[in-house]
């Protein structure tokens, strides 16, 4: 599929920037004509990915960065959220529902589960001491848009 548009941003890993990133990515996806439900799914998944960076990636998140890349293709959005933080020792374990590396901080351990639920594809790549990259894909097909609008 041909790339329709691309956006990259680097933002300080401050909790106050989570809503900015979530809203910016969702607004960038609007040219694909998603439903409100799809926009909300994107916002939820991005919010979880960004929150994971803020909570888990860095000892001093407000002095470090979140890297976000969004690419639009005909029919889907590709969203990457990454960091250059501590990384994840065992990605498979971290992706299990209810697993948290910060039980003392009352974390639910559902971040990756939410990302999987609200996207169509999720890939998590990480290396200890080198950061984590979360790649999400959300499909927004013309066929779905036409069916919802009663068109051909």
C-alpha atoms as a PDB file:
ATOM      1  CA  UNK A   1       0.000   0.000   0.000  1.00  0.00           C
ATOM      2  CA  UNK A   2       1.159   3.478  -0.750  1.00  0.00           C
ATOM      3  CA  UNK A   3       2.059   5.842   2.054  1.00  0.00           C
ATOM      4  CA  UNK A   4      -0.480   8.700   2.168  1.00  0.00           C
ATOM      5  CA  UNK A   5       1.055  10.764   4.962  1.00  0.00           C
ATOM      6  CA  UNK A   6       3.573  10.539   7.789  1.00  0.00           C
ATOM      7  CA  UNK A   7       4.187  12.363  11.048  1.00  0.00           C
ATOM      8  CA  UNK A   8       7.025  12.057  13.546  1.00  0.00           C
ATOM      9  CA  UNK A   9       7.273  13.789  16.889  1.00  0.00           C
ATOM     10  CA  UNK A  10       9.538  13.701  19.884  1.00  0.00           C
ATOM     11  CA  UNK A  11       7.972  14.799  23.152  1.00  0.00           C
ATOM     12  CA  UNK A  12       9.218  14.929  26.730  1.00  0.00           C
ATOM     13  CA  UNK A  13       8.005  11.922  28.729  1.00  0.00           C
ATOM     14  CA  UNK A  14       5.887  14.050  31.046  1.00  0.00           C
ATOM     15  CA  UNK A  15       2.479  12.804  32.119  1.00  0.00           C
ATOM     16  CA  UNK A  16       0.938  16.087  30.957  1.00  0.00           C
ATOM     17  CA  UNK A  17       1.976  15.262  27.387  1.00  0.00           C
ATOM     18  CA  UNK A  18      -0.021  12.020  27.234  1.00  0.00           C
ATOM     19  CA  UNK A  19      -3.264  13.748  26.217  1.00  0.00           C
ATOM     20  CA  UNK A  20      -1.410  15.911  23.672  1.00  0.00           C
ATOM     21  CA  UNK A  21       0.140  12.864  21.988  1.00  0.00           C
ATOM     22  CA  UNK A  22      -3.125  10.886  22.069  1.00  0.00           C
ATOM     23  CA  UNK A  23      -5.123  13.752  20.549  1.00  0.00           C
ATOM     24  CA  UNK A  24      -2.479  14.605  17.943  1.00  0.00           C
ATOM     25  CA  UNK A  25      -2.252  11.030  16.653  1.00  0.00           C
ATOM     26  CA  UNK A  26      -6.053  10.723  16.535  1.00  0.00           C
ATOM     27  CA  UNK A  27      -6.408  14.039  14.680  1.00  0.00           C
ATOM     28  CA  UNK A  28      -3.713  12.986  12.206  1.00  0.00           C
ATOM     29  CA  UNK A  29      -5.775   9.858  11.372  1.00  0.00           C
ATOM     30  CA  UNK A  30      -8.939  11.830  10.489  1.00  0.00           C
ATOM     31  CA  UNK A  31      -8.195  11.966   6.711  1.00  0.00           C
ATOM     32  CA  UNK A  32      -8.789   8.181   6.648  1.00  0.00           C
ATOM     33  CA  UNK A  33     -12.415   8.924   7.605  1.00  0.00           C
ATOM     34  CA  UNK A  34     -12.537   6.661  10.681  1.00  0.00           C
ATOM     35  CA  UNK A  35     -15.642   6.216  12.762  1.00  0.00           C
ATOM     36  CA  UNK A  36     -15.784   7.776  16.207  1.00  0.00           C
ATOM     37  CA  UNK A  37     -15.340   4.281  17.640  1.00  0.00           C
ATOM     38  CA  UNK A  38     -12.107   3.797  15.673  1.00  0.00           C
ATOM     39  CA  UNK A  39     -10.800   7.203  16.789  1.00  0.00           C
ATOM     40  CA  UNK A  40     -11.527   6.261  20.406  1.00  0.00           C
ATOM     41  CA  UNK A  41      -9.740   2.923  19.921  1.00  0.00           C
ATOM     42  CA  UNK A  42      -6.673   4.748  18.581  1.00  0.00           C
ATOM     43  CA  UNK A  43      -6.737   7.219  21.466  1.00  0.00           C
ATOM     44  CA  UNK A  44      -6.970   4.405  24.029  1.00  0.00           C
ATOM     45  CA  UNK A  45      -4.131   2.376  22.517  1.00  0.00           C
ATOM     46  CA  UNK A  46      -1.844   5.399  22.148  1.00  0.00           C
ATOM     47  CA  UNK A  47      -2.648   6.532  25.677  1.00  0.00           C
ATOM     48  CA  UNK A  48      -1.645   3.129  27.070  1.00  0.00           C
ATOM     49  CA  UNK A  49       1.600   3.049  25.071  1.00  0.00           C
ATOM     50  CA  UNK A  50       2.570   6.565  26.156  1.00  0.00           C
ATOM     51  CA  UNK A  51       1.669   5.898  29.786  1.00  0.00           C
ATOM     52  CA  UNK A  52       3.875   2.784  29.727  1.00  0.00           C
ATOM     53  CA  UNK A  53       6.812   4.933  28.634  1.00  0.00           C
ATOM     54  CA  UNK A  54       6.167   7.527  31.332  1.00  0.00           C
ATOM     55  CA  UNK A  55       5.751   4.944  34.113  1.00  0.00           C
ATOM     56  CA  UNK A  56       8.264   2.263  33.138  1.00  0.00           C
ATOM     57  CA  UNK A  57      10.936   3.454  30.697  1.00  0.00           C
ATOM     58  CA  UNK A  58      12.908   6.037  32.633  1.00  0.00           C
ATOM     59  CA  UNK A  59      14.002   6.859  36.173  1.00  0.00           C
ATOM     60  CA  UNK A  60      13.487  10.534  35.350  1.00  0.00           C
ATOM     61  CA  UNK A  61      10.852  10.541  32.604  1.00  0.00           C
ATOM     62  CA  UNK A  62      10.472  14.321  32.468  1.00  0.00           C
ATOM     63  CA  UNK A  63      14.135  14.549  31.329  1.00  0.00           C
ATOM     64  CA  UNK A  64      13.729  11.938  28.581  1.00  0.00           C
ATOM     65  CA  UNK A  65      11.681  11.491  25.442  1.00  0.00           C
ATOM     66  CA  UNK A  66       8.814   9.603  23.844  1.00  0.00           C
ATOM     67  CA  UNK A  67       9.169   9.027  20.118  1.00  0.00           C
ATOM     68  CA  UNK A  68       5.973   8.776  18.064  1.00  0.00           C
ATOM     69  CA  UNK A  69       5.589   8.024  14.376  1.00  0.00           C
ATOM     70  CA  UNK A  70       2.265   7.757  12.590  1.00  0.00           C
ATOM     71  CA  UNK A  71       1.889   6.668   8.991  1.00  0.00           C
ATOM     72  CA  UNK A  72      -1.345   6.672   7.047  1.00  0.00           C
ATOM     73  CA  UNK A  73      -2.021   4.184   4.286  1.00  0.00           C
ATOM     74  CA  UNK A  74      -5.188   3.588   2.303  1.00  0.00           C
ATOM     75  CA  UNK A  75      -7.156   1.508   4.783  1.00  0.00           C
ATOM     76  CA  UNK A  76      -5.078   1.693   7.941  1.00  0.00           C
ATOM     77  CA  UNK A  77      -2.921   3.709  10.315  1.00  0.00           C
ATOM     78  CA  UNK A  78       0.452   2.531  11.583  1.00  0.00           C
ATOM     79  CA  UNK A  79       1.433   4.006  14.950  1.00  0.00           C
ATOM     80  CA  UNK A  80       4.788   3.550  16.640  1.00  0.00           C
ATOM     81  CA  UNK A  81       5.498   4.684  20.199  1.00  0.00           C
ATOM     82  CA  UNK A  82       9.032   4.244  21.440  1.00  0.00           C
ATOM     83  CA  UNK A  83      11.568   5.229  24.052  1.00  0.00           C
ATOM     84  CA  UNK A  84      15.292   4.940  24.718  1.00  0.00           C
ATOM     85  CA  UNK A  85      14.795   3.803  28.305  1.00  0.00           C
ATOM     86  CA  UNK A  86      15.551   0.726  30.357  1.00  0.00           C
ATOM     87  CA  UNK A  87      13.784  -1.757  28.081  1.00  0.00           C
ATOM     88  CA  UNK A  88      11.796  -4.827  29.018  1.00  0.00           C
ATOM     89  CA  UNK A  89      13.598  -7.923  30.289  1.00  0.00           C
ATOM     90  CA  UNK A  90      10.916 -10.364  29.132  1.00  0.00           C
ATOM     91  CA  UNK A  91       8.386  -8.982  26.626  1.00  0.00           C
ATOM     92  CA  UNK A  92       6.231 -12.124  26.674  1.00  0.00           C
ATOM     93  CA  UNK A  93       5.887 -11.918  30.458  1.00  0.00           C
ATOM     94  CA  UNK A  94       5.205  -8.162  30.340  1.00  0.00           C
ATOM     95  CA  UNK A  95       2.377  -8.729  27.864  1.00  0.00           C
ATOM     96  CA  UNK A  96       0.504 -11.136  30.152  1.00  0.00           C
ATOM     97  CA  UNK A  97      -2.647  -9.566  31.631  1.00  0.00           C
ATOM     98  CA  UNK A  98      -2.188  -8.306  35.184  1.00  0.00           C
ATOM     99  CA  UNK A  99       1.639  -8.423  35.035  1.00  0.00           C
ATOM    100  CA  UNK A 100       3.225  -5.269  36.400  1.00  0.00           C
ATOM    101  CA  UNK A 101       6.789  -4.391  37.263  1.00  0.00           C
ATOM    102  CA  UNK A 102       5.517  -1.708  39.655  1.00  0.00           C
ATOM    103  CA  UNK A 103       2.981  -3.310  42.030  1.00  0.00           C
ATOM    104  CA  UNK A 104       3.906  -0.735  44.692  1.00  0.00           C
ATOM    105  CA  UNK A 105       2.625   2.016  42.374  1.00  0.00           C
ATOM    106  CA  UNK A 106      -0.817   0.378  42.071  1.00  0.00           C
ATOM    107  CA  UNK A 107      -0.350  -0.389  38.366  1.00  0.00           C
ATOM    108  CA  UNK A 108      -2.967  -2.755  36.914  1.00  0.00           C
ATOM    109  CA  UNK A 109      -0.725  -4.532  34.413  1.00  0.00           C
ATOM    110  CA  UNK A 110      -3.310  -4.171  31.638  1.00  0.00           C
ATOM    111  CA  UNK A 111      -1.510  -1.715  29.306  1.00  0.00           C
ATOM    112  CA  UNK A 112      -0.476  -4.225  26.644  1.00  0.00           C
ATOM    113  CA  UNK A 113      -3.824  -6.008  26.948  1.00  0.00           C
ATOM    114  CA  UNK A 114      -5.637  -2.747  26.189  1.00  0.00           C
ATOM    115  CA  UNK A 115      -3.301  -2.047  23.273  1.00  0.00           C
ATOM    116  CA  UNK A 116      -4.055  -5.520  21.849  1.00  0.00           C
ATOM    117  CA  UNK A 117      -7.787  -5.052  22.367  1.00  0.00           C
ATOM    118  CA  UNK A 118      -8.000  -1.654  20.684  1.00  0.00           C
ATOM    119  CA  UNK A 119      -5.695  -2.286  17.710  1.00  0.00           C
ATOM    120  CA  UNK A 120      -5.636  -4.859  14.934  1.00  0.00           C
ATOM    121  CA  UNK A 121      -1.941  -5.665  15.186  1.00  0.00           C
ATOM    122  CA  UNK A 122       0.547  -5.149  18.013  1.00  0.00           C
ATOM    123  CA  UNK A 123       4.270  -5.836  18.002  1.00  0.00           C
ATOM    124  CA  UNK A 124       6.475  -5.026  20.990  1.00  0.00           C
ATOM    125  CA  UNK A 125      10.245  -4.949  20.534  1.00  0.00           C
ATOM    126  CA  UNK A 126      12.572  -4.268  23.433  1.00  0.00           C
ATOM    127  CA  UNK A 127      16.116  -4.699  24.626  1.00  0.00           C
ATOM    128  CA  UNK A 128      17.317  -4.124  28.162  1.00  0.00           C
ATOM    129  CA  UNK A 129      19.099  -0.799  28.394  1.00  0.00           C
ATOM    130  CA  UNK A 130      18.144   0.158  24.841  1.00  0.00           C
ATOM    131  CA  UNK A 131      14.440   1.006  25.027  1.00  0.00           C
ATOM    132  CA  UNK A 132      11.139  -0.309  23.768  1.00  0.00           C
ATOM    133  CA  UNK A 133       9.195   0.132  20.544  1.00  0.00           C
ATOM    134  CA  UNK A 134       5.466  -0.556  20.358  1.00  0.00           C
ATOM    135  CA  UNK A 135       4.121  -0.920  16.808  1.00  0.00           C
ATOM    136  CA  UNK A 136       0.360  -0.762  16.398  1.00  0.00           C
ATOM    137  CA  UNK A 137      -1.811  -1.025  13.318  1.00  0.00           C
ATOM    138  CA  UNK A 138      -5.453  -0.007  13.132  1.00  0.00           C
ATOM    139  CA  UNK A 139      -7.450  -0.904  10.006  1.00  0.00           C
ATOM    140  CA  UNK A 140      -9.855   1.640   8.574  1.00  0.00           C
ATOM    141  CA  UNK A 141     -11.054   0.191   5.270  1.00  0.00           C
ATOM    142  CA  UNK A 142     -13.113   1.842   2.578  1.00  0.00           C
ATOM    143  CA  UNK A 143     -15.480  -1.137   2.624  1.00  0.00           C
ATOM    144  CA  UNK A 144     -16.239  -0.595   6.327  1.00  0.00           C
ATOM    145  CA  UNK A 145     -16.755   3.149   5.779  1.00  0.00           C
ATOM    146  CA  UNK A 146     -19.092   2.550   2.812  1.00  0.00           C
ATOM    147  CA  UNK A 147     -21.146  -0.061   4.647  1.00  0.00           C
ATOM    148  CA  UNK A 148     -21.610   2.223   7.638  1.00  0.00           C
ATOM    149  CA  UNK A 149     -22.699   5.106   5.431  1.00  0.00           C
ATOM    150  CA  UNK A 150     -25.104   2.967   3.407  1.00  0.00           C
ATOM    151  CA  UNK A 151     -23.050   3.440   0.244  1.00  0.00           C
ATOM    152  CA  UNK A 152     -21.560   1.009  -2.262  1.00  0.00           C
END
